Amino acid sequence: MRALYTIPLSEIVVVANLGQLNIPWQELSKDALDGVIQEFVTREGTEYGALEVSMADKCHQVRQQLERGEALITFDESTQSCSIVPVG
């Protein structure tokens, strides 16, 4: 069994056995952050229920979750992709 450990690298934390980086949203440019959020909210399976929610509203909601610390951006080295995941 491999040990799970983190290595602080500036403000980025590497979760070694998962190959995943936590990316502080504040360190991304506005365009990069907008791109990550837009890609996330347009993924297949992102569900907002029976109500129709505009792309702008979805992006705004995700940005607020990041700002409040309720979600974080991760980068998976094996798939070379970003995701936004809930905290806790």
PDB file of N, CA and C in Angstrom:
ATOM      1  N   MET A   1       0.845  -1.175   0.000  1.00  0.00           N
ATOM      2  CA  MET A   1       0.000   0.000   0.000  1.00  0.00           C
ATOM      3  C   MET A   1       0.893   1.241   0.000  1.00  0.00           C
ATOM      4  N   ARG A   2       0.649   2.137  -0.929  1.00  0.00           N
ATOM      5  CA  ARG A   2       1.425   3.377  -1.004  1.00  0.00           C
ATOM      6  C   ARG A   2       0.871   4.397  -0.032  1.00  0.00           C
ATOM      7  N   ALA A   3       1.767   5.148   0.562  1.00  0.00           N
ATOM      8  CA  ALA A   3       1.356   6.194   1.498  1.00  0.00           C
ATOM      9  C   ALA A   3       0.857   7.404   0.732  1.00  0.00           C
ATOM     10  N   LEU A   4      -0.164   8.035   1.234  1.00  0.00           N
ATOM     11  CA  LEU A   4      -0.678   9.279   0.672  1.00  0.00           C
ATOM     12  C   LEU A   4       0.027  10.423   1.382  1.00  0.00           C
ATOM     13  N   TYR A   5       0.619  11.308   0.622  1.00  0.00           N
ATOM     14  CA  TYR A   5       1.277  12.452   1.220  1.00  0.00           C
ATOM     15  C   TYR A   5       1.176  13.638   0.287  1.00  0.00           C
ATOM     16  N   THR A   6       1.316  14.826   0.832  1.00  0.00           N
ATOM     17  CA  THR A   6       1.269  16.038   0.028  1.00  0.00           C
ATOM     18  C   THR A   6       2.612  16.741   0.113  1.00  0.00           C
ATOM     19  N   ILE A   7       2.952  17.388  -0.975  1.00  0.00           N
ATOM     20  CA  ILE A   7       4.187  18.153  -1.045  1.00  0.00           C
ATOM     21  C   ILE A   7       3.815  19.584  -1.401  1.00  0.00           C
ATOM     22  N   PRO A   8       3.957  20.547  -0.469  1.00  0.00           N
ATOM     23  CA  PRO A   8       3.648  21.924  -0.832  1.00  0.00           C
ATOM     24  C   PRO A   8       4.654  22.438  -1.856  1.00  0.00           C
ATOM     25  N   LEU A   9       4.175  22.983  -2.926  1.00  0.00           N
ATOM     26  CA  LEU A   9       5.008  23.530  -3.982  1.00  0.00           C
ATOM     27  C   LEU A   9       4.454  24.914  -4.265  1.00  0.00           C
ATOM     28  N   SER A  10       5.034  25.912  -3.579  1.00  0.00           N
ATOM     29  CA  SER A  10       4.484  27.258  -3.576  1.00  0.00           C
ATOM     30  C   SER A  10       3.082  27.148  -2.984  1.00  0.00           C
ATOM     31  N   GLU A  11       2.069  27.557  -3.716  1.00  0.00           N
ATOM     32  CA  GLU A  11       0.692  27.448  -3.237  1.00  0.00           C
ATOM     33  C   GLU A  11      -0.012  26.237  -3.816  1.00  0.00           C
ATOM     34  N   ILE A  12       0.684  25.438  -4.630  1.00  0.00           N
ATOM     35  CA  ILE A  12       0.090  24.253  -5.252  1.00  0.00           C
ATOM     36  C   ILE A  12       0.456  23.050  -4.402  1.00  0.00           C
ATOM     37  N   VAL A  13      -0.515  22.187  -4.151  1.00  0.00           N
ATOM     38  CA  VAL A  13      -0.269  20.979  -3.367  1.00  0.00           C
ATOM     39  C   VAL A  13      -0.397  19.784  -4.300  1.00  0.00           C
ATOM     40  N   VAL A  14       0.643  18.950  -4.342  1.00  0.00           N
ATOM     41  CA  VAL A  14       0.634  17.747  -5.165  1.00  0.00           C
ATOM     42  C   VAL A  14       0.174  16.592  -4.297  1.00  0.00           C
ATOM     43  N   VAL A  15      -0.857  15.895  -4.723  1.00  0.00           N
ATOM     44  CA  VAL A  15      -1.287  14.689  -4.035  1.00  0.00           C
ATOM     45  C   VAL A  15      -0.622  13.553  -4.781  1.00  0.00           C
ATOM     46  N   ALA A  16       0.458  13.039  -4.204  1.00  0.00           N
ATOM     47  CA  ALA A  16       1.413  12.208  -4.911  1.00  0.00           C
ATOM     48  C   ALA A  16       0.823  10.941  -5.510  1.00  0.00           C
ATOM     49  N   ASN A  17       0.054  10.176  -4.785  1.00  0.00           N
ATOM     50  CA  ASN A  17      -0.392   8.920  -5.354  1.00  0.00           C
ATOM     51  C   ASN A  17      -1.623   9.077  -6.239  1.00  0.00           C
ATOM     52  N   LEU A  18      -2.148  10.255  -6.343  1.00  0.00           N
ATOM     53  CA  LEU A  18      -3.288  10.490  -7.210  1.00  0.00           C
ATOM     54  C   LEU A  18      -2.898  11.230  -8.486  1.00  0.00           C
ATOM     55  N   GLY A  19      -1.689  11.789  -8.538  1.00  0.00           N
ATOM     56  CA  GLY A  19      -1.276  12.548  -9.706  1.00  0.00           C
ATOM     57  C   GLY A  19      -2.134  13.766  -9.938  1.00  0.00           C
ATOM     58  N   GLN A  20      -2.579  14.395  -8.876  1.00  0.00           N
ATOM     59  CA  GLN A  20      -3.529  15.500  -8.975  1.00  0.00           C
ATOM     60  C   GLN A  20      -2.954  16.752  -8.337  1.00  0.00           C
ATOM     61  N   LEU A  21      -3.120  17.883  -9.007  1.00  0.00           N
ATOM     62  CA  LEU A  21      -2.699  19.176  -8.476  1.00  0.00           C
ATOM     63  C   LEU A  21      -3.926  19.982  -8.104  1.00  0.00           C
ATOM     64  N   ASN A  22      -3.878  20.657  -6.975  1.00  0.00           N
ATOM     65  CA  ASN A  22      -4.910  21.630  -6.619  1.00  0.00           C
ATOM     66  C   ASN A  22      -4.413  22.984  -7.092  1.00  0.00           C
ATOM     67  N   ILE A  23      -5.194  23.647  -7.922  1.00  0.00           N
ATOM     68  CA  ILE A  23      -4.808  24.907  -8.535  1.00  0.00           C
ATOM     69  C   ILE A  23      -5.559  26.054  -7.860  1.00  0.00           C
ATOM     70  N   PRO A  24      -4.865  26.976  -7.194  1.00  0.00           N
ATOM     71  CA  PRO A  24      -5.552  28.134  -6.610  1.00  0.00           C
ATOM     72  C   PRO A  24      -6.175  28.995  -7.720  1.00  0.00           C
ATOM     73  N   TRP A  25      -7.474  29.196  -7.658  1.00  0.00           N
ATOM     74  CA  TRP A  25      -8.161  29.935  -8.716  1.00  0.00           C
ATOM     75  C   TRP A  25      -7.635  31.357  -8.832  1.00  0.00           C
ATOM     76  N   GLN A  26      -7.160  31.928  -7.733  1.00  0.00           N
ATOM     77  CA  GLN A  26      -6.684  33.305  -7.729  1.00  0.00           C
ATOM     78  C   GLN A  26      -5.407  33.464  -8.567  1.00  0.00           C
ATOM     79  N   GLU A  27      -4.709  32.378  -8.810  1.00  0.00           N
ATOM     80  CA  GLU A  27      -3.452  32.455  -9.552  1.00  0.00           C
ATOM     81  C   GLU A  27      -3.631  32.285 -11.057  1.00  0.00           C
ATOM     82  N   LEU A  28      -4.858  32.027 -11.493  1.00  0.00           N
ATOM     83  CA  LEU A  28      -5.135  31.917 -12.928  1.00  0.00           C
ATOM     84  C   LEU A  28      -5.498  33.292 -13.480  1.00  0.00           C
ATOM     85  N   SER A  29      -5.152  33.512 -14.740  1.00  0.00           N
ATOM     86  CA  SER A  29      -5.595  34.746 -15.391  1.00  0.00           C
ATOM     87  C   SER A  29      -7.112  34.696 -15.529  1.00  0.00           C
ATOM     88  N   LYS A  30      -7.731  35.847 -15.735  1.00  0.00           N
ATOM     89  CA  LYS A  30      -9.186  35.896 -15.900  1.00  0.00           C
ATOM     90  C   LYS A  30      -9.618  34.997 -17.049  1.00  0.00           C
ATOM     91  N   ASP A  31      -8.910  35.063 -18.180  1.00  0.00           N
ATOM     92  CA  ASP A  31      -9.269  34.245 -19.347  1.00  0.00           C
ATOM     93  C   ASP A  31      -9.130  32.756 -19.055  1.00  0.00           C
ATOM     94  N   ALA A  32      -8.054  32.372 -18.361  1.00  0.00           N
ATOM     95  CA  ALA A  32      -7.861  30.960 -18.033  1.00  0.00           C
ATOM     96  C   ALA A  32      -8.949  30.467 -17.091  1.00  0.00           C
ATOM     97  N   LEU A  33      -9.252  31.257 -16.059  1.00  0.00           N
ATOM     98  CA  LEU A  33     -10.295  30.871 -15.115  1.00  0.00           C
ATOM     99  C   LEU A  33     -11.647  30.764 -15.814  1.00  0.00           C
ATOM    100  N   ASP A  34     -11.969  31.746 -16.648  1.00  0.00           N
ATOM    101  CA  ASP A  34     -13.230  31.693 -17.395  1.00  0.00           C
ATOM    102  C   ASP A  34     -13.300  30.436 -18.255  1.00  0.00           C
ATOM    103  N   GLY A  35     -12.193  30.087 -18.899  1.00  0.00           N
ATOM    104  CA  GLY A  35     -12.155  28.893 -19.746  1.00  0.00           C
ATOM    105  C   GLY A  35     -12.367  27.612 -18.960  1.00  0.00           C
ATOM    106  N   VAL A  36     -11.723  27.500 -17.806  1.00  0.00           N
ATOM    107  CA  VAL A  36     -11.887  26.311 -16.961  1.00  0.00           C
ATOM    108  C   VAL A  36     -13.329  26.197 -16.489  1.00  0.00           C
ATOM    109  N   ILE A  37     -13.903  27.306 -16.046  1.00  0.00           N
ATOM    110  CA  ILE A  37     -15.287  27.289 -15.560  1.00  0.00           C
ATOM    111  C   ILE A  37     -16.249  26.955 -16.697  1.00  0.00           C
ATOM    112  N   GLN A  38     -16.087  27.584 -17.863  1.00  0.00           N
ATOM    113  CA  GLN A  38     -16.982  27.316 -18.990  1.00  0.00           C
ATOM    114  C   GLN A  38     -16.904  25.867 -19.435  1.00  0.00           C
ATOM    115  N   GLU A  39     -15.698  25.329 -19.501  1.00  0.00           N
ATOM    116  CA  GLU A  39     -15.542  23.926 -19.897  1.00  0.00           C
ATOM    117  C   GLU A  39     -16.226  23.017 -18.887  1.00  0.00           C
ATOM    118  N   PHE A  40     -16.100  23.340 -17.615  1.00  0.00           N
ATOM    119  CA  PHE A  40     -16.711  22.531 -16.561  1.00  0.00           C
ATOM    120  C   PHE A  40     -18.236  22.540 -16.657  1.00  0.00           C
ATOM    121  N   VAL A  41     -18.840  23.716 -16.790  1.00  0.00           N
ATOM    122  CA  VAL A  41     -20.312  23.787 -16.765  1.00  0.00           C
ATOM    123  C   VAL A  41     -20.949  23.237 -18.039  1.00  0.00           C
ATOM    124  N   THR A  42     -20.185  23.077 -19.106  1.00  0.00           N
ATOM    125  CA  THR A  42     -20.752  22.529 -20.339  1.00  0.00           C
ATOM    126  C   THR A  42     -20.512  21.028 -20.490  1.00  0.00           C
ATOM    127  N   ARG A  43     -19.910  20.402 -19.514  1.00  0.00           N
ATOM    128  CA  ARG A  43     -19.663  18.958 -19.580  1.00  0.00           C
ATOM    129  C   ARG A  43     -20.961  18.171 -19.565  1.00  0.00           C
ATOM    130  N   GLU A  44     -20.930  17.064 -20.227  1.00  0.00           N
ATOM    131  CA  GLU A  44     -22.043  16.112 -20.197  1.00  0.00           C
ATOM    132  C   GLU A  44     -22.254  15.673 -18.752  1.00  0.00           C
ATOM    133  N   GLY A  45     -23.480  15.690 -18.288  1.00  0.00           N
ATOM    134  CA  GLY A  45     -23.775  15.227 -16.936  1.00  0.00           C
ATOM    135  C   GLY A  45     -23.840  16.332 -15.896  1.00  0.00           C
ATOM    136  N   THR A  46     -23.477  17.561 -16.267  1.00  0.00           N
ATOM    137  CA  THR A  46     -23.633  18.667 -15.326  1.00  0.00           C
ATOM    138  C   THR A  46     -25.111  19.011 -15.305  1.00  0.00           C
ATOM    139  N   GLU A  47     -25.762  18.805 -14.182  1.00  0.00           N
ATOM    140  CA  GLU A  47     -27.219  18.896 -14.098  1.00  0.00           C
ATOM    141  C   GLU A  47     -27.648  20.004 -13.154  1.00  0.00           C
ATOM    142  N   TYR A  48     -28.591  20.791 -13.601  1.00  0.00           N
ATOM    143  CA  TYR A  48     -29.131  21.873 -12.784  1.00  0.00           C
ATOM    144  C   TYR A  48     -30.614  21.676 -12.501  1.00  0.00           C
ATOM    145  N   GLY A  49     -31.134  20.481 -12.748  1.00  0.00           N
ATOM    146  CA  GLY A  49     -32.536  20.197 -12.453  1.00  0.00           C
ATOM    147  C   GLY A  49     -33.460  20.607 -13.585  1.00  0.00           C
ATOM    148  N   ALA A  50     -34.736  20.742 -13.258  1.00  0.00           N
ATOM    149  CA  ALA A  50     -35.756  21.031 -14.265  1.00  0.00           C
ATOM    150  C   ALA A  50     -35.689  22.466 -14.778  1.00  0.00           C
ATOM    151  N   LEU A  51     -35.113  23.369 -14.004  1.00  0.00           N
ATOM    152  CA  LEU A  51     -35.023  24.763 -14.430  1.00  0.00           C
ATOM    153  C   LEU A  51     -33.943  24.942 -15.475  1.00  0.00           C
ATOM    154  N   GLU A  52     -34.205  25.802 -16.428  1.00  0.00           N
ATOM    155  CA  GLU A  52     -33.203  26.164 -17.426  1.00  0.00           C
ATOM    156  C   GLU A  52     -32.341  27.280 -16.837  1.00  0.00           C
ATOM    157  N   VAL A  53     -31.038  27.065 -16.773  1.00  0.00           N
ATOM    158  CA  VAL A  53     -30.107  28.037 -16.213  1.00  0.00           C
ATOM    159  C   VAL A  53     -29.149  28.462 -17.324  1.00  0.00           C
ATOM    160  N   SER A  54     -28.981  29.759 -17.506  1.00  0.00           N
ATOM    161  CA  SER A  54     -28.116  30.255 -18.573  1.00  0.00           C
ATOM    162  C   SER A  54     -26.657  29.919 -18.285  1.00  0.00           C
ATOM    163  N   MET A  55     -25.858  29.890 -19.339  1.00  0.00           N
ATOM    164  CA  MET A  55     -24.421  29.635 -19.201  1.00  0.00           C
ATOM    165  C   MET A  55     -23.789  30.676 -18.283  1.00  0.00           C
ATOM    166  N   ALA A  56     -24.165  31.935 -18.435  1.00  0.00           N
ATOM    167  CA  ALA A  56     -23.607  33.001 -17.599  1.00  0.00           C
ATOM    168  C   ALA A  56     -23.929  32.774 -16.129  1.00  0.00           C
ATOM    169  N   ASP A  57     -25.173  32.364 -15.833  1.00  0.00           N
ATOM    170  CA  ASP A  57     -25.559  32.104 -14.449  1.00  0.00           C
ATOM    171  C   ASP A  57     -24.806  30.908 -13.869  1.00  0.00           C
ATOM    172  N   LYS A  58     -24.655  29.854 -14.671  1.00  0.00           N
ATOM    173  CA  LYS A  58     -23.903  28.678 -14.217  1.00  0.00           C
ATOM    174  C   LYS A  58     -22.460  29.064 -13.890  1.00  0.00           C
ATOM    175  N   CYS A  59     -21.840  29.816 -14.787  1.00  0.00           N
ATOM    176  CA  CYS A  59     -20.455  30.240 -14.573  1.00  0.00           C
ATOM    177  C   CYS A  59     -20.340  31.112 -13.328  1.00  0.00           C
ATOM    178  N   HIS A  60     -21.295  32.012 -13.153  1.00  0.00           N
ATOM    179  CA  HIS A  60     -21.301  32.890 -11.972  1.00  0.00           C
ATOM    180  C   HIS A  60     -21.417  32.073 -10.682  1.00  0.00           C
ATOM    181  N   GLN A  61     -22.296  31.071 -10.678  1.00  0.00           N
ATOM    182  CA  GLN A  61     -22.477  30.230  -9.496  1.00  0.00           C
ATOM    183  C   GLN A  61     -21.192  29.474  -9.154  1.00  0.00           C
ATOM    184  N   VAL A  62     -20.530  28.922 -10.168  1.00  0.00           N
ATOM    185  CA  VAL A  62     -19.288  28.182  -9.934  1.00  0.00           C
ATOM    186  C   VAL A  62     -18.200  29.126  -9.435  1.00  0.00           C
ATOM    187  N   ARG A  63     -18.094  30.316 -10.035  1.00  0.00           N
ATOM    188  CA  ARG A  63     -17.096  31.287  -9.586  1.00  0.00           C
ATOM    189  C   ARG A  63     -17.327  31.654  -8.114  1.00  0.00           C
ATOM    190  N   GLN A  64     -18.579  31.844  -7.713  1.00  0.00           N
ATOM    191  CA  GLN A  64     -18.888  32.159  -6.319  1.00  0.00           C
ATOM    192  C   GLN A  64     -18.482  31.014  -5.396  1.00  0.00           C
ATOM    193  N   GLN A  65     -18.694  29.775  -5.818  1.00  0.00           N
ATOM    194  CA  GLN A  65     -18.300  28.623  -5.007  1.00  0.00           C
ATOM    195  C   GLN A  65     -16.784  28.592  -4.822  1.00  0.00           C
ATOM    196  N   LEU A  66     -16.045  28.922  -5.875  1.00  0.00           N
ATOM    197  CA  LEU A  66     -14.588  28.981  -5.770  1.00  0.00           C
ATOM    198  C   LEU A  66     -14.171  30.091  -4.809  1.00  0.00           C
ATOM    199  N   GLU A  67     -14.776  31.264  -4.955  1.00  0.00           N
ATOM    200  CA  GLU A  67     -14.430  32.412  -4.116  1.00  0.00           C
ATOM    201  C   GLU A  67     -14.738  32.160  -2.639  1.00  0.00           C
ATOM    202  N   ARG A  68     -15.811  31.421  -2.359  1.00  0.00           N
ATOM    203  CA  ARG A  68     -16.189  31.134  -0.972  1.00  0.00           C
ATOM    204  C   ARG A  68     -15.425  29.938  -0.395  1.00  0.00           C
ATOM    205  N   GLY A  69     -14.608  29.300  -1.210  1.00  0.00           N
ATOM    206  CA  GLY A  69     -13.855  28.139  -0.742  1.00  0.00           C
ATOM    207  C   GLY A  69     -14.672  26.863  -0.681  1.00  0.00           C
ATOM    208  N   GLU A  70     -15.810  26.843  -1.351  1.00  0.00           N
ATOM    209  CA  GLU A  70     -16.679  25.664  -1.359  1.00  0.00           C
ATOM    210  C   GLU A  70     -16.287  24.673  -2.452  1.00  0.00           C
ATOM    211  N   ALA A  71     -15.442  25.108  -3.384  1.00  0.00           N
ATOM    212  CA  ALA A  71     -14.989  24.256  -4.482  1.00  0.00           C
ATOM    213  C   ALA A  71     -13.542  24.620  -4.798  1.00  0.00           C
ATOM    214  N   LEU A  72     -12.851  23.701  -5.470  1.00  0.00           N
ATOM    215  CA  LEU A  72     -11.492  23.990  -5.892  1.00  0.00           C
ATOM    216  C   LEU A  72     -11.232  23.393  -7.257  1.00  0.00           C
ATOM    217  N   ILE A  73     -10.230  23.938  -7.921  1.00  0.00           N
ATOM    218  CA  ILE A  73      -9.848  23.475  -9.248  1.00  0.00           C
ATOM    219  C   ILE A  73      -8.740  22.452  -9.085  1.00  0.00           C
ATOM    220  N   THR A  74      -8.892  21.315  -9.758  1.00  0.00           N
ATOM    221  CA  THR A  74      -7.861  20.291  -9.745  1.00  0.00           C
ATOM    222  C   THR A  74      -7.361  20.051 -11.160  1.00  0.00           C
ATOM    223  N   PHE A  75      -6.131  19.596 -11.262  1.00  0.00           N
ATOM    224  CA  PHE A  75      -5.550  19.200 -12.541  1.00  0.00           C
ATOM    225  C   PHE A  75      -5.066  17.775 -12.393  1.00  0.00           C
ATOM    226  N   ASP A  76      -5.557  16.896 -13.252  1.00  0.00           N
ATOM    227  CA  ASP A  76      -5.169  15.491 -13.229  1.00  0.00           C
ATOM    228  C   ASP A  76      -4.060  15.280 -14.250  1.00  0.00           C
ATOM    229  N   GLU A  77      -2.874  14.922 -13.757  1.00  0.00           N
ATOM    230  CA  GLU A  77      -1.725  14.750 -14.642  1.00  0.00           C
ATOM    231  C   GLU A  77      -1.925  13.603 -15.633  1.00  0.00           C
ATOM    232  N   SER A  78      -2.602  12.542 -15.219  1.00  0.00           N
ATOM    233  CA  SER A  78      -2.753  11.374 -16.106  1.00  0.00           C
ATOM    234  C   SER A  78      -3.676  11.664 -17.284  1.00  0.00           C
ATOM    235  N   THR A  79      -4.714  12.480 -17.083  1.00  0.00           N
ATOM    236  CA  THR A  79      -5.646  12.799 -18.174  1.00  0.00           C
ATOM    237  C   THR A  79      -5.383  14.168 -18.778  1.00  0.00           C
ATOM    238  N   GLN A  80      -4.468  14.940 -18.138  1.00  0.00           N
ATOM    239  CA  GLN A  80      -4.150  16.295 -18.590  1.00  0.00           C
ATOM    240  C   GLN A  80      -5.410  17.150 -18.675  1.00  0.00           C
ATOM    241  N   SER A  81      -6.256  17.055 -17.639  1.00  0.00           N
ATOM    242  CA  SER A  81      -7.506  17.817 -17.645  1.00  0.00           C
ATOM    243  C   SER A  81      -7.769  18.441 -16.281  1.00  0.00           C
ATOM    244  N   CYS A  82      -8.531  19.531 -16.309  1.00  0.00           N
ATOM    245  CA  CYS A  82      -8.940  20.227 -15.088  1.00  0.00           C
ATOM    246  C   CYS A  82     -10.352  19.825 -14.724  1.00  0.00           C
ATOM    247  N   SER A  83     -10.641  19.943 -13.447  1.00  0.00           N
ATOM    248  CA  SER A  83     -11.993  19.737 -12.970  1.00  0.00           C
ATOM    249  C   SER A  83     -12.224  20.694 -11.807  1.00  0.00           C
ATOM    250  N   ILE A  84     -13.474  20.854 -11.441  1.00  0.00           N
ATOM    251  CA  ILE A  84     -13.836  21.658 -10.281  1.00  0.00           C
ATOM    252  C   ILE A  84     -14.597  20.718  -9.359  1.00  0.00           C
ATOM    253  N   VAL A  85     -14.119  20.608  -8.135  1.00  0.00           N
ATOM    254  CA  VAL A  85     -14.696  19.645  -7.201  1.00  0.00           C
ATOM    255  C   VAL A  85     -15.116  20.355  -5.913  1.00  0.00           C
ATOM    256  N   PRO A  86     -16.149  19.828  -5.249  1.00  0.00           N
ATOM    257  CA  PRO A  86     -16.570  20.406  -3.976  1.00  0.00           C
ATOM    258  C   PRO A  86     -15.520  20.146  -2.904  1.00  0.00           C
ATOM    259  N   VAL A  87     -15.434  21.043  -1.945  1.00  0.00           N
ATOM    260  CA  VAL A  87     -14.532  20.882  -0.801  1.00  0.00           C
ATOM    261  C   VAL A  87     -15.308  20.205   0.309  1.00  0.00           C
ATOM    262  N   GLY A  88     -14.683  19.222   0.928  1.00  0.00           N
ATOM    263  CA  GLY A  88     -15.303  18.597   2.093  1.00  0.00           C
ATOM    264  C   GLY A  88     -16.035  17.360   1.848  1.00  0.00           C
TER     265      GLY A  88
END
